[in-house]
Each structure stands twice: as structure tokens, then as C-alpha cells.
Amino acid sequence: VQLQASGGGLVQPGGSLRLSCAVIGSSFRTNAVGWYRQASGKQRELVASITSGARTNYADFVKGRFTISRDNAVNTIYLQMDNLEPADTAVYYCNGLARVVPWGQGTLVTVSS
């Protein structure tokens, strides 16, 4: 099974992006999934998570700005990112919480003017 993140890009501060995480090869419908990020020179950190029952949780540094959601019909998890800040610049990944599979390449988000 693979979780492939996409949708990154270059955006100005205050802008928005929506990331998508496609689950390929197996179903993650009964698993909690998280969006993670890793900035240059820093460790990977959990940004947001969503359970199979759509209960969500967010890191303090994105609360009120990011929204995680999932569409089990198409095996995809989303991360809507609003009011982006330069500190949000990182490679974003998706993966399970308890069920962790090999990490994909992630998608680069660059917030810069």
C-alpha cells in the first residue's frame, strides 16, 4: 500500500493550498491518517490527523488555519491550508498513525513572497 501526497506548490503568505493524499493498493478506511511535514533541517512533525470516524486533531501551530478531511469513497485524505505562513514551508507527507507504511516522496509547500 502507498499513500501519495500531491498538491503542493509555491504560494504567497496568506494564501491557500489544498493537499491530497491518495491511498493506493489497499484500503485505509478503518485507519486513522495523519498529515505530517518536515522542514529543511528539522524533524518530521504531525500536523493534523483524522480517525476512521472523521474525528480530527490539529497541532497548535495550525489550529484555525488547516482543515483535514477524508473521502472514503475515493480513498483520499485532504488537507486544506489557509492563511499560510512562511513557517509552513516544508515537505508534506501523509501516513497512518498506528498503521505506518513506507513513506512516500511527499509534496513540497513553499510559502514565500
Protein backbone atom coordinates (compact mmCIF):
# COMPACT_ATOMS: atom_id res chain seq x y z
CA VAL A 1 0.00 0.00 0.00
CA GLN A 2 1.14 3.54 -0.77
CA LEU A 3 -0.04 6.93 0.38
CA GLN A 4 0.81 9.53 -2.25
CA ALA A 5 0.67 13.21 -1.38
CA SER A 6 0.14 15.88 -4.03
CA GLY A 7 -0.99 19.45 -4.42
CA GLY A 8 1.97 21.36 -3.11
CA GLY A 9 3.45 24.44 -4.72
CA LEU A 10 4.58 27.99 -4.25
CA VAL A 11 2.13 30.33 -2.54
CA GLN A 12 2.36 33.80 -1.06
CA PRO A 13 1.89 34.40 2.66
CA GLY A 14 -1.82 34.47 3.45
CA GLY A 15 -2.62 32.21 0.53
CA SER A 16 -4.23 28.77 0.41
CA LEU A 17 -3.47 25.30 -0.90
CA ARG A 18 -5.29 22.00 -0.77
CA LEU A 19 -3.22 18.86 -0.49
CA SER A 20 -4.50 15.43 -1.45
CA CYS A 21 -3.38 12.04 -0.19
CA ALA A 22 -4.32 9.12 -2.42
CA VAL A 23 -4.30 5.68 -0.84
CA ILE A 24 -3.20 3.14 -3.41
CA GLY A 25 -3.19 -0.62 -3.17
CA SER A 26 -5.25 -1.11 -0.07
CA SER A 27 -7.98 0.48 1.97
CA PHE A 28 -7.28 2.83 4.83
CA ARG A 29 -10.96 3.33 5.60
CA THR A 30 -10.69 1.84 9.07
CA ASN A 31 -7.39 3.57 9.91
CA ALA A 32 -6.57 6.96 11.31
CA VAL A 33 -4.44 9.01 8.93
CA GLY A 34 -2.21 11.97 9.55
CA TRP A 35 -0.61 14.75 7.59
CA TYR A 36 2.99 15.32 8.58
CA ARG A 37 5.59 17.83 7.50
CA GLN A 38 9.33 18.15 7.54
CA ALA A 39 11.04 21.47 7.12
CA SER A 40 14.64 21.67 6.00
CA GLY A 41 16.94 20.73 8.86
CA LYS A 42 14.10 19.78 11.18
CA GLN A 43 12.42 16.57 12.25
CA ARG A 44 9.16 15.38 10.78
CA GLU A 45 6.16 16.52 12.81
CA LEU A 46 2.48 15.66 12.88
CA VAL A 47 0.29 18.47 11.58
CA ALA A 48 -3.22 17.03 11.67
CA SER A 49 -4.95 13.68 11.93
CA ILE A 50 -8.34 12.18 11.25
CA THR A 51 -9.83 8.94 12.53
CA SER A 52 -11.93 6.48 10.59
CA GLY A 53 -14.93 8.17 12.17
CA ALA A 54 -13.77 11.58 10.95
CA ARG A 55 -12.69 12.86 14.35
CA THR A 56 -9.93 15.42 13.81
CA ASN A 57 -6.99 16.71 15.75
CA TYR A 58 -4.56 19.52 14.97
CA ALA A 59 -1.18 20.71 16.10
CA ASP A 60 -1.42 24.04 17.89
CA PHE A 61 0.58 25.80 15.20
CA VAL A 62 -2.07 25.09 12.52
CA LYS A 63 -5.29 25.26 14.53
CA GLY A 64 -7.81 27.55 12.90
CA ARG A 65 -5.86 27.60 9.62
CA PHE A 66 -5.76 23.98 8.39
CA THR A 67 -8.62 21.53 7.92
CA ILE A 68 -8.21 17.80 7.43
CA SER A 69 -10.93 15.70 5.83
CA ARG A 70 -11.35 12.36 4.15
CA ASP A 71 -13.47 10.86 1.40
CA ASN A 72 -13.52 7.10 1.90
CA ALA A 73 -15.43 6.59 -1.34
CA VAL A 74 -12.33 7.61 -3.27
CA ASN A 75 -9.75 6.58 -0.66
CA THR A 76 -8.39 10.12 -0.35
CA ILE A 77 -7.49 12.36 2.56
CA TYR A 78 -7.27 16.13 2.15
CA LEU A 79 -5.55 18.99 3.91
CA GLN A 80 -6.98 22.43 3.27
CA MET A 81 -4.39 25.01 4.26
CA ASP A 82 -5.46 28.63 4.62
CA ASN A 83 -3.66 31.75 5.78
CA LEU A 84 -0.31 30.12 5.05
CA GLU A 85 2.81 31.47 6.70
CA PRO A 86 6.48 31.20 5.69
CA ALA A 87 6.94 28.86 8.68
CA ASP A 88 4.61 26.39 6.93
CA THR A 89 7.24 25.81 4.25
CA ALA A 90 8.05 22.09 4.30
CA VAL A 91 7.62 18.79 2.54
CA TYR A 92 4.21 17.43 3.50
CA TYR A 93 3.54 13.72 3.81
CA CYS A 94 0.57 11.55 4.70
CA ASN A 95 0.68 8.28 6.52
CA GLY A 96 -1.21 6.24 9.03
CA LEU A 97 -0.98 6.90 12.73
CA ALA A 98 -0.92 3.40 14.23
CA ARG A 99 -0.60 1.73 10.83
CA VAL A 100 2.51 3.30 9.31
CA VAL A 101 3.54 2.27 5.80
CA PRO A 102 6.74 3.19 3.94
CA TRP A 103 6.92 6.95 3.50
CA GLY A 104 6.21 8.40 0.08
CA GLN A 105 8.02 11.32 -1.55
CA GLY A 106 5.72 13.93 -0.10
CA THR A 107 4.77 17.22 -1.69
CA LEU A 108 6.68 20.46 -1.27
CA VAL A 109 4.88 23.53 0.01
CA THR A 110 6.76 26.80 -0.23
CA VAL A 111 5.29 29.93 1.31
CA SER A 112 7.17 32.97 0.15
CA SER A 113 6.61 36.40 -1.31
